[in-house]
């Protein structure tokens, strides 16, 4: 089995950058992908999906320097889902 994904889309915002202890860079990207189709009445419908992508270390630093809102990007990587509990003990993803 292979856990591999390729996304081609546009950045919905500038990368969100954080530096952790030890100087490790983490970049959070919000990427919009879309597809268009015609409904039964021949009207064009565009369906947009939003994806959150995390880049670590050197890739995060490159994102900080080179990427801006609206840029078209191609991202390859693996899919991982994480959940955590907020301060009110509600599960978040």
N, C-alpha and C. Protein backbone atom coordinates (compact mmCIF):
# COMPACT_ATOMS: atom_id res chain seq x y z
N UNK A 1 0.83 -1.18 0.00
CA UNK A 1 0.00 0.00 0.00
C UNK A 1 0.87 1.24 0.00
N UNK A 2 0.35 2.29 -0.61
CA UNK A 2 1.08 3.54 -0.72
C UNK A 2 0.22 4.69 -0.22
N UNK A 3 0.79 5.54 0.61
CA UNK A 3 0.11 6.74 1.09
C UNK A 3 0.76 7.91 0.37
N UNK A 4 0.21 8.29 -0.78
CA UNK A 4 0.78 9.34 -1.61
C UNK A 4 -0.32 10.21 -2.17
N UNK A 5 -0.11 11.53 -2.15
CA UNK A 5 -1.11 12.45 -2.68
C UNK A 5 -0.41 13.55 -3.47
N UNK A 6 -1.08 14.03 -4.51
CA UNK A 6 -0.62 15.19 -5.27
C UNK A 6 -1.76 16.19 -5.31
N UNK A 7 -1.50 17.41 -4.86
CA UNK A 7 -2.48 18.49 -4.89
C UNK A 7 -1.97 19.59 -5.79
N UNK A 8 -2.83 20.10 -6.65
CA UNK A 8 -2.52 21.28 -7.45
C UNK A 8 -3.63 22.27 -7.17
N UNK A 9 -3.26 23.41 -6.62
CA UNK A 9 -4.27 24.39 -6.26
C UNK A 9 -3.65 25.74 -5.97
N UNK A 10 -4.48 26.65 -5.49
CA UNK A 10 -4.02 28.02 -5.18
C UNK A 10 -4.02 28.25 -3.68
N UNK A 11 -3.04 29.03 -3.23
CA UNK A 11 -2.95 29.38 -1.82
C UNK A 11 -4.04 30.38 -1.48
N UNK A 12 -4.79 30.09 -0.43
CA UNK A 12 -5.87 30.98 0.00
C UNK A 12 -5.37 32.09 0.90
N UNK A 13 -4.14 31.99 1.36
CA UNK A 13 -3.53 33.01 2.24
C UNK A 13 -2.02 32.83 2.19
N UNK A 14 -1.31 33.83 2.65
CA UNK A 14 0.14 33.68 2.81
C UNK A 14 0.39 32.53 3.78
N UNK A 15 1.52 31.83 3.65
CA UNK A 15 1.83 30.76 4.61
C UNK A 15 1.88 31.29 6.04
N UNK A 16 1.35 30.50 6.97
CA UNK A 16 1.45 30.81 8.40
C UNK A 16 2.73 30.15 8.90
N UNK A 17 3.63 30.93 9.44
CA UNK A 17 4.95 30.44 9.83
C UNK A 17 5.10 30.49 11.34
N UNK A 18 5.63 29.40 11.90
CA UNK A 18 5.99 29.36 13.32
C UNK A 18 7.38 28.76 13.42
N UNK A 19 8.12 29.22 14.42
CA UNK A 19 9.41 28.64 14.74
C UNK A 19 9.32 28.01 16.12
N UNK A 20 9.62 26.72 16.19
CA UNK A 20 9.57 25.99 17.44
C UNK A 20 10.90 26.13 18.17
N UNK A 21 10.95 25.62 19.38
CA UNK A 21 12.20 25.61 20.12
C UNK A 21 13.27 24.92 19.30
N UNK A 22 14.45 25.45 19.31
CA UNK A 22 15.52 24.88 18.52
C UNK A 22 15.54 25.43 17.10
N UNK A 23 14.64 26.37 16.79
CA UNK A 23 14.65 27.01 15.47
C UNK A 23 14.01 26.22 14.36
N UNK A 24 13.24 25.18 14.69
CA UNK A 24 12.57 24.37 13.66
C UNK A 24 11.40 25.16 13.08
N UNK A 25 11.40 25.32 11.76
CA UNK A 25 10.36 26.07 11.07
C UNK A 25 9.19 25.15 10.71
N UNK A 26 7.97 25.64 10.94
CA UNK A 26 6.75 24.93 10.54
C UNK A 26 5.89 25.92 9.76
N UNK A 27 5.53 25.55 8.53
CA UNK A 27 4.68 26.39 7.69
C UNK A 27 3.34 25.68 7.47
N UNK A 28 2.26 26.43 7.62
CA UNK A 28 0.91 25.91 7.40
C UNK A 28 0.36 26.59 6.15
N UNK A 29 0.00 25.78 5.16
CA UNK A 29 -0.56 26.29 3.92
C UNK A 29 -2.03 25.93 3.83
N UNK A 30 -2.85 26.84 3.32
CA UNK A 30 -4.26 26.57 3.02
C UNK A 30 -4.38 26.59 1.50
N UNK A 31 -4.69 25.43 0.92
CA UNK A 31 -4.73 25.28 -0.53
C UNK A 31 -6.15 24.95 -0.98
N UNK A 32 -6.61 25.68 -1.99
CA UNK A 32 -7.93 25.45 -2.58
C UNK A 32 -7.76 24.66 -3.88
N UNK A 33 -8.47 23.55 -3.98
CA UNK A 33 -8.55 22.82 -5.24
C UNK A 33 -10.01 22.91 -5.69
N UNK A 34 -10.23 22.81 -6.99
CA UNK A 34 -11.60 22.93 -7.48
C UNK A 34 -11.82 22.06 -8.70
N UNK A 35 -13.08 21.78 -8.94
CA UNK A 35 -13.49 21.12 -10.17
C UNK A 35 -14.80 21.74 -10.62
N UNK A 36 -15.01 21.78 -11.92
CA UNK A 36 -16.22 22.36 -12.49
C UNK A 36 -16.99 21.29 -13.25
N UNK A 37 -18.30 21.40 -13.19
CA UNK A 37 -19.15 20.47 -13.93
C UNK A 37 -20.46 21.17 -14.26
N UNK A 38 -21.19 20.60 -15.22
CA UNK A 38 -22.50 21.14 -15.58
C UNK A 38 -23.58 20.33 -14.91
N UNK A 39 -24.58 21.05 -14.35
CA UNK A 39 -25.71 20.36 -13.76
C UNK A 39 -26.71 19.99 -14.86
N UNK A 40 -27.83 19.42 -14.47
CA UNK A 40 -28.81 18.94 -15.46
C UNK A 40 -29.40 20.07 -16.29
N UNK A 41 -29.35 21.32 -15.77
CA UNK A 41 -29.86 22.48 -16.50
C UNK A 41 -28.78 23.20 -17.31
N UNK A 42 -27.61 22.56 -17.45
CA UNK A 42 -26.48 23.10 -18.21
C UNK A 42 -25.83 24.32 -17.55
N UNK A 43 -26.06 24.51 -16.25
CA UNK A 43 -25.38 25.57 -15.50
C UNK A 43 -24.04 25.04 -15.01
N UNK A 44 -22.99 25.86 -15.11
CA UNK A 44 -21.68 25.45 -14.62
C UNK A 44 -21.62 25.62 -13.10
N UNK A 45 -21.18 24.59 -12.43
CA UNK A 45 -21.02 24.58 -10.97
C UNK A 45 -19.54 24.36 -10.68
N UNK A 46 -18.99 25.19 -9.77
CA UNK A 46 -17.62 24.99 -9.34
C UNK A 46 -17.63 24.53 -7.89
N UNK A 47 -16.99 23.41 -7.64
CA UNK A 47 -16.91 22.86 -6.29
C UNK A 47 -15.48 23.04 -5.78
N UNK A 48 -15.32 23.74 -4.66
CA UNK A 48 -14.01 24.04 -4.10
C UNK A 48 -13.81 23.22 -2.83
N UNK A 49 -12.65 22.62 -2.69
CA UNK A 49 -12.25 21.89 -1.48
C UNK A 49 -11.01 22.59 -0.90
N UNK A 50 -10.97 22.72 0.42
CA UNK A 50 -9.83 23.34 1.09
C UNK A 50 -9.00 22.28 1.80
N UNK A 51 -7.69 22.43 1.70
CA UNK A 51 -6.74 21.47 2.27
C UNK A 51 -5.73 22.23 3.13
N UNK A 52 -5.37 21.66 4.25
CA UNK A 52 -4.31 22.20 5.09
C UNK A 52 -3.08 21.34 4.89
N UNK A 53 -1.96 21.97 4.57
CA UNK A 53 -0.70 21.27 4.33
C UNK A 53 0.34 21.85 5.29
N UNK A 54 1.09 20.97 5.93
CA UNK A 54 2.15 21.38 6.86
C UNK A 54 3.50 21.05 6.24
N UNK A 55 4.38 22.05 6.23
CA UNK A 55 5.74 21.88 5.73
C UNK A 55 6.71 22.10 6.89
N UNK A 56 7.67 21.22 7.02
CA UNK A 56 8.62 21.29 8.13
C UNK A 56 10.01 21.71 7.65
N UNK A 57 10.74 22.30 8.54
CA UNK A 57 12.16 22.63 8.42
C UNK A 57 12.46 23.44 7.15
N UNK A 58 13.34 22.93 6.29
CA UNK A 58 13.78 23.69 5.12
C UNK A 58 12.64 24.00 4.16
N UNK A 59 11.69 23.06 4.00
CA UNK A 59 10.55 23.33 3.12
C UNK A 59 9.69 24.46 3.69
N UNK A 60 9.55 24.50 5.00
CA UNK A 60 8.83 25.60 5.63
C UNK A 60 9.51 26.93 5.41
N UNK A 61 10.83 26.95 5.49
CA UNK A 61 11.58 28.18 5.26
C UNK A 61 11.46 28.64 3.81
N UNK A 62 11.48 27.70 2.87
CA UNK A 62 11.30 28.06 1.46
C UNK A 62 9.91 28.63 1.24
N UNK A 63 8.90 28.03 1.86
CA UNK A 63 7.53 28.54 1.73
C UNK A 63 7.45 29.97 2.25
N UNK A 64 8.09 30.23 3.38
CA UNK A 64 8.08 31.56 3.98
C UNK A 64 8.66 32.60 3.02
N UNK A 65 9.71 32.25 2.31
CA UNK A 65 10.41 33.19 1.42
C UNK A 65 9.76 33.31 0.05
N UNK A 66 9.16 32.22 -0.45
CA UNK A 66 8.78 32.20 -1.87
C UNK A 66 7.28 32.19 -2.16
N UNK A 67 6.44 31.82 -1.20
CA UNK A 67 5.02 31.65 -1.51
C UNK A 67 4.18 32.79 -0.96
N UNK A 68 3.15 33.15 -1.72
CA UNK A 68 2.21 34.20 -1.34
C UNK A 68 0.79 33.78 -1.70
N UNK A 69 -0.18 34.43 -1.10
CA UNK A 69 -1.59 34.19 -1.40
C UNK A 69 -1.83 34.28 -2.90
N UNK A 70 -2.61 33.31 -3.42
CA UNK A 70 -2.95 33.30 -4.84
C UNK A 70 -2.01 32.51 -5.71
N UNK A 71 -0.81 32.16 -5.21
CA UNK A 71 0.14 31.40 -6.01
C UNK A 71 -0.42 30.01 -6.31
N UNK A 72 -0.17 29.54 -7.52
CA UNK A 72 -0.50 28.17 -7.90
C UNK A 72 0.63 27.27 -7.41
N UNK A 73 0.27 26.21 -6.67
CA UNK A 73 1.29 25.31 -6.12
C UNK A 73 0.96 23.86 -6.46
N UNK A 74 1.98 23.05 -6.55
CA UNK A 74 1.85 21.60 -6.69
C UNK A 74 2.55 21.01 -5.48
N UNK A 75 1.81 20.25 -4.69
CA UNK A 75 2.33 19.65 -3.46
C UNK A 75 2.22 18.14 -3.58
N UNK A 76 3.31 17.45 -3.30
CA UNK A 76 3.29 15.98 -3.24
C UNK A 76 3.71 15.57 -1.84
N UNK A 77 3.04 14.56 -1.31
CA UNK A 77 3.38 14.08 0.02
C UNK A 77 2.47 12.97 0.45
N UNK A 78 2.32 12.82 1.76
CA UNK A 78 1.45 11.78 2.30
C UNK A 78 0.34 12.43 3.10
N UNK A 79 -0.76 11.72 3.24
CA UNK A 79 -1.89 12.21 4.01
C UNK A 79 -1.80 11.66 5.43
N UNK A 80 -1.99 12.55 6.39
CA UNK A 80 -2.06 12.16 7.79
C UNK A 80 -3.12 12.98 8.48
N UNK A 81 -3.88 12.38 9.35
CA UNK A 81 -4.92 13.08 10.09
C UNK A 81 -4.55 13.07 11.56
N UNK A 82 -4.71 14.23 12.18
CA UNK A 82 -4.40 14.34 13.60
C UNK A 82 -5.58 14.95 14.32
N UNK A 83 -5.80 14.51 15.54
CA UNK A 83 -6.82 15.11 16.38
C UNK A 83 -6.19 15.48 17.72
N UNK A 84 -6.80 16.45 18.41
CA UNK A 84 -6.35 16.85 19.73
C UNK A 84 -7.55 17.40 20.49
N UNK A 85 -7.36 17.61 21.76
CA UNK A 85 -8.43 18.15 22.60
C UNK A 85 -8.08 19.59 22.97
N UNK A 86 -9.07 20.48 22.79
CA UNK A 86 -8.84 21.88 23.14
C UNK A 86 -9.00 22.07 24.65
N UNK A 87 -8.89 23.32 25.11
CA UNK A 87 -8.93 23.59 26.55
C UNK A 87 -10.28 23.23 27.17
N UNK A 88 -11.33 23.12 26.35
CA UNK A 88 -12.66 22.70 26.83
C UNK A 88 -12.91 21.21 26.67
N UNK A 89 -11.84 20.48 26.35
CA UNK A 89 -11.87 19.04 26.17
C UNK A 89 -12.73 18.58 24.98
N UNK A 90 -12.84 19.46 23.97
CA UNK A 90 -13.52 19.09 22.72
C UNK A 90 -12.49 18.61 21.72
N UNK A 91 -12.82 17.53 21.03
CA UNK A 91 -11.89 16.98 20.04
C UNK A 91 -11.86 17.87 18.80
N UNK A 92 -10.66 18.19 18.36
CA UNK A 92 -10.41 19.00 17.17
C UNK A 92 -9.61 18.20 16.16
N UNK A 93 -9.75 18.60 14.91
CA UNK A 93 -8.93 17.93 13.87
C UNK A 93 -8.32 18.96 12.96
